[in-house]
Protein backbone atom coordinates (compact mmCIF):
# COMPACT_ATOMS: atom_id res chain seq x y z
CA UNK A 1 35.56 -9.90 -47.52
CA UNK A 2 32.81 -8.36 -49.25
CA UNK A 3 30.02 -6.64 -47.49
CA UNK A 4 26.74 -8.09 -47.31
CA UNK A 5 24.16 -7.03 -49.97
CA UNK A 6 21.66 -4.35 -48.53
CA UNK A 7 18.71 -5.62 -47.35
CA UNK A 8 15.31 -5.02 -49.11
CA UNK A 9 13.57 -2.11 -47.89
CA UNK A 10 10.59 -2.63 -45.83
CA UNK A 11 7.13 -2.04 -46.64
CA UNK A 12 6.25 1.64 -45.54
CA UNK A 13 3.52 0.48 -42.89
CA UNK A 14 6.10 -2.22 -41.53
CA UNK A 15 8.95 0.60 -41.46
CA UNK A 16 6.72 3.09 -39.55
CA UNK A 17 5.57 0.32 -37.16
CA UNK A 18 9.34 -0.45 -36.65
CA UNK A 19 10.23 2.97 -36.08
CA UNK A 20 7.36 3.72 -33.73
CA UNK A 21 8.66 0.57 -31.65
CA UNK A 22 12.24 1.86 -31.36
CA UNK A 23 10.96 5.43 -29.99
CA UNK A 24 8.26 4.49 -27.75
CA UNK A 25 8.35 2.14 -24.67
CA UNK A 26 6.26 -0.67 -25.03
CA UNK A 27 3.54 -1.11 -22.50
CA UNK A 28 4.08 -3.79 -20.09
CA UNK A 29 1.50 -6.53 -19.81
CA UNK A 30 1.41 -7.35 -16.12
CA UNK A 31 1.06 -11.06 -14.82
CA UNK A 32 -1.04 -11.42 -11.68
CA UNK A 33 -3.94 -13.64 -10.50
CA UNK A 34 -6.87 -12.37 -8.74
CA UNK A 35 -8.11 -14.90 -6.34
CA UNK A 36 -10.32 -14.89 -3.05
CA UNK A 37 -8.62 -14.89 0.20
CA UNK A 38 -9.44 -14.82 3.92
CA UNK A 39 -12.89 -14.10 4.61
CA UNK A 40 -13.68 -14.07 1.02
CA UNK A 41 -11.68 -10.93 0.38
CA UNK A 42 -10.05 -10.61 -2.99
CA UNK A 43 -6.20 -10.63 -3.20
CA UNK A 44 -3.74 -10.73 -6.28
CA UNK A 45 -1.10 -13.11 -6.28
CA UNK A 46 2.16 -12.25 -7.93
CA UNK A 47 4.54 -14.94 -9.09
CA UNK A 48 8.24 -14.47 -9.99
CA UNK A 49 10.81 -16.82 -11.39
CA UNK A 50 12.33 -19.52 -9.33
CA UNK A 51 9.29 -19.58 -6.73
CA UNK A 52 9.28 -16.02 -5.63
CA UNK A 53 5.70 -14.80 -4.67
CA UNK A 54 3.81 -12.18 -3.26
CA UNK A 55 0.06 -11.59 -2.30
CA UNK A 56 -1.67 -8.16 -2.13
CA UNK A 57 -5.22 -7.78 -0.66
CA UNK A 58 -7.54 -5.26 -2.41
CA UNK A 59 -8.74 -4.27 1.04
CA UNK A 60 -6.08 -1.75 2.04
CA UNK A 61 -3.89 -2.46 -0.91
CA UNK A 62 -2.09 -4.42 1.66
CA UNK A 63 0.89 -6.74 0.85
CA UNK A 64 0.33 -9.85 3.40
CA UNK A 65 2.90 -12.30 1.76
CA UNK A 66 6.53 -12.18 0.28
CA UNK A 67 8.16 -15.47 0.00
CA UNK A 68 11.79 -16.35 -1.33
CA UNK A 69 12.86 -19.04 -3.39
CA UNK A 70 12.53 -21.41 -0.81
CA UNK A 71 9.09 -20.60 -0.03
CA UNK A 72 9.96 -18.99 3.23
CA UNK A 73 7.49 -16.12 4.50
CA UNK A 74 9.56 -12.78 4.94
CA UNK A 75 6.83 -10.74 6.13
CA UNK A 76 4.97 -11.20 9.67
CA UNK A 77 1.09 -11.46 9.67
CA UNK A 78 -0.15 -12.13 13.05
CA UNK A 79 -2.06 -15.52 13.71
CA UNK A 80 -4.79 -13.26 15.15
CA UNK A 81 -5.04 -10.72 12.29
CA UNK A 82 -8.66 -9.91 11.50
CA UNK A 83 -9.53 -9.90 7.80
CA UNK A 84 -12.88 -8.19 8.05
CA UNK A 85 -13.54 -4.60 7.35
CA UNK A 86 -13.34 -2.04 8.75
CA UNK A 87 -10.41 -3.80 10.98
CA UNK A 88 -6.96 -3.30 9.32
CA UNK A 89 -5.10 -6.33 8.82
CA UNK A 90 -2.20 -6.58 11.36
CA UNK A 91 1.07 -7.47 9.67
CA UNK A 92 2.44 -7.30 6.12
CA UNK A 93 2.75 -3.92 4.84
CA UNK A 94 -0.19 -1.55 5.78
CA UNK A 95 -0.01 1.72 4.07
CA UNK A 96 -0.47 4.89 6.35
CA UNK A 97 -2.11 7.71 4.61
CA UNK A 98 -3.20 10.49 5.00
CA UNK A 99 -2.03 10.11 8.41
CA UNK A 100 0.85 8.50 10.31
CA UNK A 101 0.09 7.36 13.78
CA UNK A 102 -1.39 9.99 15.92
CA UNK A 103 0.16 12.78 13.82
CA UNK A 104 -3.16 14.43 12.99
CA UNK A 105 -6.94 14.50 13.81
CA UNK A 106 -7.88 11.35 12.11
CA UNK A 107 -7.99 7.75 12.98
CA UNK A 108 -4.53 5.95 13.93
CA UNK A 109 -2.68 5.76 10.46
CA UNK A 110 -5.44 7.09 8.32
CA UNK A 111 -7.95 5.35 6.26
CA UNK A 112 -6.19 4.01 3.29
CA UNK A 113 -5.41 0.80 5.08
CA UNK A 114 -9.20 0.10 5.44
CA UNK A 115 -10.48 0.91 2.21
CA UNK A 116 -11.18 -1.29 -0.75
CA UNK A 117 -8.95 -0.38 -3.62
CA UNK A 118 -9.39 -1.25 -7.08
CA UNK A 119 -7.21 -2.70 -9.74
CA UNK A 120 -5.94 0.20 -12.25
CA UNK A 121 -5.91 -1.05 -15.70
CA UNK A 122 -4.60 2.03 -17.42
CA UNK A 123 -2.21 3.64 -15.00
CA UNK A 124 -0.04 6.72 -16.04
CA UNK A 125 3.37 5.33 -17.38
CA UNK A 126 6.26 4.53 -14.82
CA UNK A 127 9.71 3.95 -15.85
CA UNK A 128 9.95 0.70 -17.59
CA UNK A 129 12.15 -2.11 -16.25
CA UNK A 130 11.51 -4.95 -18.67
CA UNK A 131 12.86 -7.77 -16.34
CA UNK A 132 9.85 -7.08 -14.04
CA UNK A 133 7.05 -9.08 -15.27
CA UNK A 134 4.85 -9.61 -12.11
CA UNK A 135 3.23 -6.47 -10.76
CA UNK A 136 -0.30 -4.95 -10.15
CA UNK A 137 -1.37 -1.30 -10.21
CA UNK A 138 -4.06 -0.26 -7.69
CA UNK A 139 -6.01 2.93 -7.34
CA UNK A 140 -7.89 4.60 -4.27
CA UNK A 141 -10.09 7.71 -4.75
CA UNK A 142 -12.17 9.23 -1.75
CA UNK A 143 -15.69 8.31 -1.17
CA UNK A 144 -17.94 10.68 0.02
CA UNK A 145 -17.64 9.74 3.69
CA UNK A 146 -13.75 10.16 3.18
CA UNK A 147 -14.27 13.62 1.92
CA UNK A 148 -16.44 14.30 5.21
CA UNK A 149 -13.37 13.38 7.39
CA UNK A 150 -10.56 14.69 5.29
CA UNK A 151 -11.99 17.25 2.66
CA UNK A 152 -9.53 16.52 -0.15
CA UNK A 153 -9.87 15.00 -3.60
CA UNK A 154 -6.85 13.01 -4.51
CA UNK A 155 -5.72 9.99 -6.54
CA UNK A 156 -3.54 7.44 -4.91
CA UNK A 157 -1.84 4.85 -7.20
CA UNK A 158 0.04 2.05 -5.99
CA UNK A 159 2.25 -0.36 -8.08
CA UNK A 160 3.47 -3.64 -6.33
CA UNK A 161 6.17 -5.54 -8.12
CA UNK A 162 8.22 -8.53 -7.76
CA UNK A 163 11.58 -8.36 -9.34
CA UNK A 164 13.16 -11.33 -11.07
CA UNK A 165 15.52 -12.01 -8.09
CA UNK A 166 12.63 -11.83 -5.78
CA UNK A 167 12.87 -8.20 -4.64
CA UNK A 168 9.67 -6.66 -3.69
CA UNK A 169 8.89 -2.96 -4.65
CA UNK A 170 5.94 -0.62 -3.59
CA UNK A 171 5.58 2.60 -5.61
CA UNK A 172 3.07 5.39 -4.56
CA UNK A 173 1.87 8.01 -6.56
CA UNK A 174 -0.40 10.65 -4.81
CA UNK A 175 -1.95 13.54 -6.91
CA UNK A 176 -4.03 16.27 -5.60
CA UNK A 177 -7.15 16.53 -7.63
CA UNK A 178 -8.73 19.26 -5.72
CA UNK A 179 -10.70 21.61 -8.13
CA UNK A 180 -11.06 24.54 -5.64
CA UNK A 181 -7.34 25.62 -5.78
CA UNK A 182 -6.51 23.98 -2.25
CA UNK A 183 -3.21 22.35 -1.29
CA UNK A 184 -3.24 19.55 1.24
CA UNK A 185 -0.74 18.06 3.42
CA UNK A 186 -0.40 14.42 4.88
CA UNK A 187 2.03 12.14 6.64
CA UNK A 188 2.80 8.82 5.25
CA UNK A 189 4.27 5.39 5.97
CA UNK A 190 4.98 1.94 4.63
CA UNK A 191 4.17 0.06 7.95
CA UNK A 192 6.40 -2.94 7.00
CA UNK A 193 6.39 -6.06 9.46
CA UNK A 194 9.32 -8.07 8.98
CA UNK A 195 9.37 -11.87 9.87
CA UNK A 196 12.40 -12.43 12.14
CA UNK A 197 13.73 -15.46 14.13
CA UNK A 198 14.05 -13.93 17.60
CA UNK A 199 13.83 -10.09 18.25
CA UNK A 200 16.75 -10.44 20.63
CA UNK A 201 18.90 -11.73 17.72
CA UNK A 202 18.17 -8.89 15.48
CA UNK A 203 20.11 -5.61 14.85
CA UNK A 204 19.46 -2.63 12.53
CA UNK A 205 22.19 -0.68 11.09
CA UNK A 206 22.28 2.46 9.08
CA UNK A 207 20.24 4.73 11.87
CA UNK A 208 23.08 5.14 14.18
CA UNK A 209 23.91 8.70 15.07
CA UNK A 210 20.38 9.71 13.83
CA UNK A 211 18.00 12.10 15.73
CA UNK A 212 14.58 10.47 16.46
CA UNK A 213 11.45 11.11 18.13
CA UNK A 214 10.46 8.76 20.93
CA UNK A 215 6.80 7.99 20.81
CA UNK A 216 7.04 6.29 24.09
CA UNK A 217 8.21 9.72 25.57
CA UNK A 218 5.78 12.20 24.22
CA UNK A 219 7.58 12.54 20.74
CA UNK A 220 10.50 14.03 22.51
CA UNK A 221 13.76 14.29 20.46
CA UNK A 222 16.85 12.50 21.06
CA UNK A 223 20.15 11.26 19.21
CA UNK A 224 20.80 7.48 18.58
CA UNK A 225 24.12 6.61 20.53
CA UNK A 226 24.52 2.88 19.76
CA UNK A 227 26.85 1.34 16.91
CA UNK A 228 23.40 -0.42 15.87
CA UNK A 229 19.96 -0.69 17.30
CA UNK A 230 19.30 -3.94 19.27
CA UNK A 231 16.10 -4.87 21.10
CA UNK A 232 15.53 -5.43 24.81
CA UNK A 233 12.15 -3.79 25.21
CA UNK A 234 9.39 -1.82 23.59
CA UNK A 235 10.61 0.55 20.96
CA UNK A 236 8.48 3.26 18.99
CA UNK A 237 10.76 5.72 17.27
CA UNK A 238 10.66 7.90 14.41
CA UNK A 239 14.22 8.47 13.00
CA UNK A 240 14.75 11.58 11.08
CA UNK A 241 16.45 12.33 7.77
CA UNK A 242 17.24 8.66 7.61
CA UNK A 243 19.54 7.20 5.04
CA UNK A 244 18.00 5.61 1.67
CA UNK A 245 19.35 2.32 2.91
CA UNK A 246 18.74 0.39 6.06
CA UNK A 247 19.73 -3.28 6.93
CA UNK A 248 17.70 -5.43 9.36
CA UNK A 249 20.09 -8.32 10.42
CA UNK A 250 18.72 -11.50 11.69
CA UNK A 251 21.57 -13.39 13.35
CA UNK A 252 19.75 -16.72 13.85
CA UNK A 253 18.43 -16.82 10.35
CA UNK A 254 21.56 -15.54 8.83
CA UNK A 255 19.64 -13.16 6.46
CA UNK A 256 19.56 -9.50 6.00
CA UNK A 257 16.77 -7.43 5.01
CA UNK A 258 17.95 -4.34 2.88
CA UNK A 259 15.35 -1.70 2.65
CA UNK A 260 15.72 1.19 0.03
CA UNK A 261 13.48 4.19 0.24
CA UNK A 262 12.98 7.03 -2.05
CA UNK A 263 10.87 10.15 -1.44
CA UNK A 264 10.58 9.28 2.23
CA UNK A 265 12.99 11.06 4.49
CA UNK A 266 12.11 9.16 7.99
CA UNK A 267 12.14 5.59 9.02
CA UNK A 268 10.03 4.20 12.10
CA UNK A 269 11.16 1.47 14.26
CA UNK A 270 8.44 -0.32 16.24
CA UNK A 271 8.11 -3.67 18.65
CA UNK A 272 5.21 -3.52 20.97
CA UNK A 273 6.92 -5.79 23.22
CA UNK A 274 5.00 -8.28 25.84
CA UNK A 275 2.71 -6.00 27.77
CA UNK A 276 1.54 -4.16 24.61
CA UNK A 277 1.24 -7.38 22.60
CA UNK A 278 -1.14 -8.94 25.24
CA UNK A 279 -3.32 -5.82 25.28
CA UNK A 280 -3.93 -6.12 21.48
CA UNK A 281 -6.91 -8.08 20.31
CA UNK A 282 -5.58 -8.97 16.89
CA UNK A 283 -1.91 -10.00 18.14
CA UNK A 284 -0.37 -13.07 19.65
CA UNK A 285 0.79 -12.49 23.17
CA UNK A 286 4.36 -13.97 22.19
CA UNK A 287 4.43 -12.93 18.62
CA UNK A 288 6.39 -9.78 19.35
CA UNK A 289 9.50 -12.14 19.63
CA UNK A 290 9.06 -13.00 15.70
CA UNK A 291 8.43 -9.49 13.99
CA UNK A 292 10.04 -5.93 13.66
CA UNK A 293 8.47 -2.80 11.92
CA UNK A 294 10.88 -0.91 9.85
CA UNK A 295 8.86 1.60 8.09
CA UNK A 296 9.78 4.20 5.47
CA UNK A 297 8.01 7.20 6.51
CA UNK A 298 7.39 11.05 6.09
CA UNK A 299 6.25 12.03 9.52
CA UNK A 300 8.23 14.97 10.79
CA UNK A 301 7.53 17.39 7.89
CA UNK A 302 4.18 16.52 5.99
CA UNK A 303 4.15 16.44 2.41
CA UNK A 304 2.07 19.29 0.82
CA UNK A 305 0.87 19.04 -2.71
CA UNK A 306 -0.69 21.91 -4.65
CA UNK A 307 -3.73 21.16 -6.89
CA UNK A 308 -2.38 19.11 -9.99
CA UNK A 309 0.89 18.02 -8.20
CA UNK A 310 2.00 14.58 -7.68
CA UNK A 311 4.34 12.93 -4.91
CA UNK A 312 5.97 9.63 -5.43
CA UNK A 313 7.46 7.55 -2.84
CA UNK A 314 9.02 4.18 -3.27
CA UNK A 315 10.09 1.20 -1.08
CA UNK A 316 12.26 -1.70 -2.19
CA UNK A 317 13.00 -4.74 -0.21
CA UNK A 318 15.52 -7.46 -0.78
CA UNK A 319 16.90 -10.42 1.50
CA UNK A 320 20.33 -11.34 1.20
CA UNK A 321 22.67 -13.58 3.23
CA UNK A 322 24.02 -12.30 6.42
CA UNK A 323 27.52 -11.55 5.28
CA UNK A 324 26.13 -8.12 4.81
CA UNK A 325 27.43 -5.62 7.35
CA UNK A 326 26.69 -1.68 7.95
CA UNK A 327 29.78 -0.73 5.73
CA UNK A 328 28.12 -2.04 2.76
CA UNK A 329 25.61 0.33 3.23
CA UNK A 330 28.19 2.81 1.77
CA UNK A 331 28.92 1.79 -1.96
CA UNK A 332 32.54 2.94 -1.77
CA UNK A 333 33.23 0.95 1.40
CA UNK A 334 31.39 -1.98 -0.38
CA UNK A 335 33.86 -1.56 -3.19
CA UNK A 336 36.93 -1.45 -1.02
CA UNK A 337 35.66 -4.43 1.10
CA UNK A 338 35.34 -6.25 -2.46
CA UNK A 339 39.04 -5.59 -3.01
CA UNK A 340 40.04 -6.65 0.60
CA UNK A 341 41.30 -2.99 1.09
């Protein structure tokens, strides 16, 4: 069979454009919609294929909704949440920066969650996943008031993305932009509130045998003894050097959340239980039964950046049927399970 004749050469300009297209990653054009949310605050709507969706408020750069292809809400937001600055929004995924909890001299969980972020139309490039079409880039820089309480110049860039299978990811990039040669240190968490059927029907796998700091016992250090974490009372623990994958298994909903983290060594597990829930103005008395916070974090060892340095921390969430088990957190075990070995 004869070879096909060679194609005619492209015009020089077209050839140059084609070469450029092959050698340079093409910028993604994100799809999102900016609308008014509660109390007139602006929020970004992300819509994926098959009905997946997410919502991100510019106030706090806070994800407040993540829905699957059945329009089921996967995140918890309190019915009493206050959408009025300077109050932080109770639920979703608040960002704790530059301080987690009371690990420092600032207000609890720092100030990033109650500042107004802006949409970043020209962010530095991230590795391109062409399958992700629906995302938004946000940016926070310190105001003069922020510099008075935390005297460091920074740029905090956040990308919130909705994957083709409904996975939700948050990628943070924090850069030290001090011009006086000073380093700075901070603690951090993605304070993720998961929606669960009943807290007594939930277990967390992947943190067994881990050391943790118990915030209910003066940050004293212990070692987790159980095969999985189950819930019968208030919990507020910081698990140290936690694995990159954690599973939150909801027996009643037959659903498992798989949390994957990068750049964040610790994991916080929190539920206020009944007494503390009743004491919170922006939290329903019985709502503790239907939520659980499992939070990728950097708490024990603060992150330090020299001028010009940048840190990246990522959270990826997926919701899968609850045939998932702890053995599948190990890729080798997952392979053996698939082979019935």
